[in-house]
C-alpha atoms as a PDB file:
ATOM      1  CA  UNK A   1      -0.025  -0.076  -0.059  1.00  0.00           C
ATOM      2  CA  UNK A   2       1.314   3.414  -1.022  1.00  0.00           C
ATOM      3  CA  UNK A   3       1.354   6.226   1.388  1.00  0.00           C
ATOM      4  CA  UNK A   4       0.169   9.457  -0.150  1.00  0.00           C
ATOM      5  CA  UNK A   5       2.202  12.568   0.641  1.00  0.00           C
ATOM      6  CA  UNK A   6       0.651  15.894   1.359  1.00  0.00           C
ATOM      7  CA  UNK A   7       1.185  18.698  -1.267  1.00  0.00           C
ATOM      8  CA  UNK A   8       3.356  21.574  -0.215  1.00  0.00           C
ATOM      9  CA  UNK A   9       1.272  24.692  -0.048  1.00  0.00           C
ATOM     10  CA  UNK A  10       2.474  28.291  -0.647  1.00  0.00           C
ATOM     11  CA  UNK A  11       2.073  30.790   2.080  1.00  0.00           C
ATOM     12  CA  UNK A  12      -0.161  33.206   0.480  1.00  0.00           C
ATOM     13  CA  UNK A  13       1.057  36.112   2.636  1.00  0.00           C
ATOM     14  CA  UNK A  14       4.736  35.379   1.718  1.00  0.00           C
ATOM     15  CA  UNK A  15       3.981  34.966  -1.879  1.00  0.00           C
ATOM     16  CA  UNK A  16       2.574  38.547  -2.044  1.00  0.00           C
ATOM     17  CA  UNK A  17       5.620  39.970  -0.244  1.00  0.00           C
ATOM     18  CA  UNK A  18       8.699  38.142  -1.820  1.00  0.00           C
ATOM     19  CA  UNK A  19       9.844  37.583  -5.514  1.00  0.00           C
ATOM     20  CA  UNK A  20      12.224  34.802  -6.440  1.00  0.00           C
ATOM     21  CA  UNK A  21      14.720  36.047  -9.103  1.00  0.00           C
ATOM     22  CA  UNK A  22      16.017  33.908 -11.851  1.00  0.00           C
ATOM     23  CA  UNK A  23      19.192  33.338  -9.960  1.00  0.00           C
ATOM     24  CA  UNK A  24      17.407  32.034  -7.030  1.00  0.00           C
ATOM     25  CA  UNK A  25      17.818  34.998  -4.882  1.00  0.00           C
ATOM     26  CA  UNK A  26      14.689  36.273  -2.779  1.00  0.00           C
ATOM     27  CA  UNK A  27      13.999  39.847  -2.899  1.00  0.00           C
ATOM     28  CA  UNK A  28      11.594  42.007  -0.751  1.00  0.00           C
ATOM     29  CA  UNK A  29      10.494  45.586  -0.341  1.00  0.00           C
ATOM     30  CA  UNK A  30      12.198  47.783   2.068  1.00  0.00           C
ATOM     31  CA  UNK A  31      10.665  48.342   5.514  1.00  0.00           C
ATOM     32  CA  UNK A  32       9.913  51.859   6.948  1.00  0.00           C
ATOM     33  CA  UNK A  33       8.506  53.323   3.737  1.00  0.00           C
ATOM     34  CA  UNK A  34       4.718  53.094   4.244  1.00  0.00           C
ATOM     35  CA  UNK A  35       3.571  56.089   6.453  1.00  0.00           C
ATOM     36  CA  UNK A  36       5.017  58.711   8.636  1.00  0.00           C
ATOM     37  CA  UNK A  37       7.341  59.873   5.831  1.00  0.00           C
ATOM     38  CA  UNK A  38       7.379  63.734   6.896  1.00  0.00           C
ATOM     39  CA  UNK A  39       9.914  63.091   9.553  1.00  0.00           C
ATOM     40  CA  UNK A  40      12.144  61.130   7.299  1.00  0.00           C
ATOM     41  CA  UNK A  41      14.764  62.919   5.252  1.00  0.00           C
ATOM     42  CA  UNK A  42      14.796  62.751   1.482  1.00  0.00           C
ATOM     43  CA  UNK A  43      17.989  60.841   1.551  1.00  0.00           C
ATOM     44  CA  UNK A  44      16.481  58.211   3.791  1.00  0.00           C
ATOM     45  CA  UNK A  45      13.342  57.820   1.704  1.00  0.00           C
ATOM     46  CA  UNK A  46      15.542  57.628  -1.518  1.00  0.00           C
ATOM     47  CA  UNK A  47      17.597  54.768   0.084  1.00  0.00           C
ATOM     48  CA  UNK A  48      14.464  52.792   0.777  1.00  0.00           C
ATOM     49  CA  UNK A  49      13.570  52.642  -2.877  1.00  0.00           C
ATOM     50  CA  UNK A  50      13.506  49.330  -4.810  1.00  0.00           C
ATOM     51  CA  UNK A  51      13.974  45.768  -3.670  1.00  0.00           C
ATOM     52  CA  UNK A  52      16.541  44.311  -1.320  1.00  0.00           C
ATOM     53  CA  UNK A  53      17.788  40.763  -0.861  1.00  0.00           C
ATOM     54  CA  UNK A  54      16.411  38.675   2.080  1.00  0.00           C
ATOM     55  CA  UNK A  55      19.301  38.173   4.621  1.00  0.00           C
ATOM     56  CA  UNK A  56      20.806  34.694   4.940  1.00  0.00           C
ATOM     57  CA  UNK A  57      19.307  34.052   8.432  1.00  0.00           C
ATOM     58  CA  UNK A  58      15.639  34.520   6.853  1.00  0.00           C
ATOM     59  CA  UNK A  59      16.348  32.830   3.604  1.00  0.00           C
ATOM     60  CA  UNK A  60      15.523  29.249   4.769  1.00  0.00           C
ATOM     61  CA  UNK A  61      12.309  30.219   6.346  1.00  0.00           C
ATOM     62  CA  UNK A  62      11.107  32.208   3.402  1.00  0.00           C
ATOM     63  CA  UNK A  63      12.062  29.420   0.887  1.00  0.00           C
ATOM     64  CA  UNK A  64       9.881  27.038   2.994  1.00  0.00           C
ATOM     65  CA  UNK A  65       6.930  29.363   2.720  1.00  0.00           C
ATOM     66  CA  UNK A  66       7.324  29.620  -0.949  1.00  0.00           C
ATOM     67  CA  UNK A  67       7.891  25.880  -1.459  1.00  0.00           C
ATOM     68  CA  UNK A  68       4.672  25.114  -3.372  1.00  0.00           C
ATOM     69  CA  UNK A  69       4.934  28.011  -5.866  1.00  0.00           C
ATOM     70  CA  UNK A  70       6.396  25.882  -8.699  1.00  0.00           C
END
């Protein structure tokens, strides 16, 4: 008798927040750029533009959440 394995499911909250590049790197939006921007300098806001790479310590957890995304 064969034992059926459960399907890996994508964590939908993570899928909306992270993008997997063709090279396999995972990118996300910078934090601290949603609201209360009047206090922050133009330089700070400018540096928060674009996507940044997920740090090594979080990479494994994010990959696990995005496991069923193939």
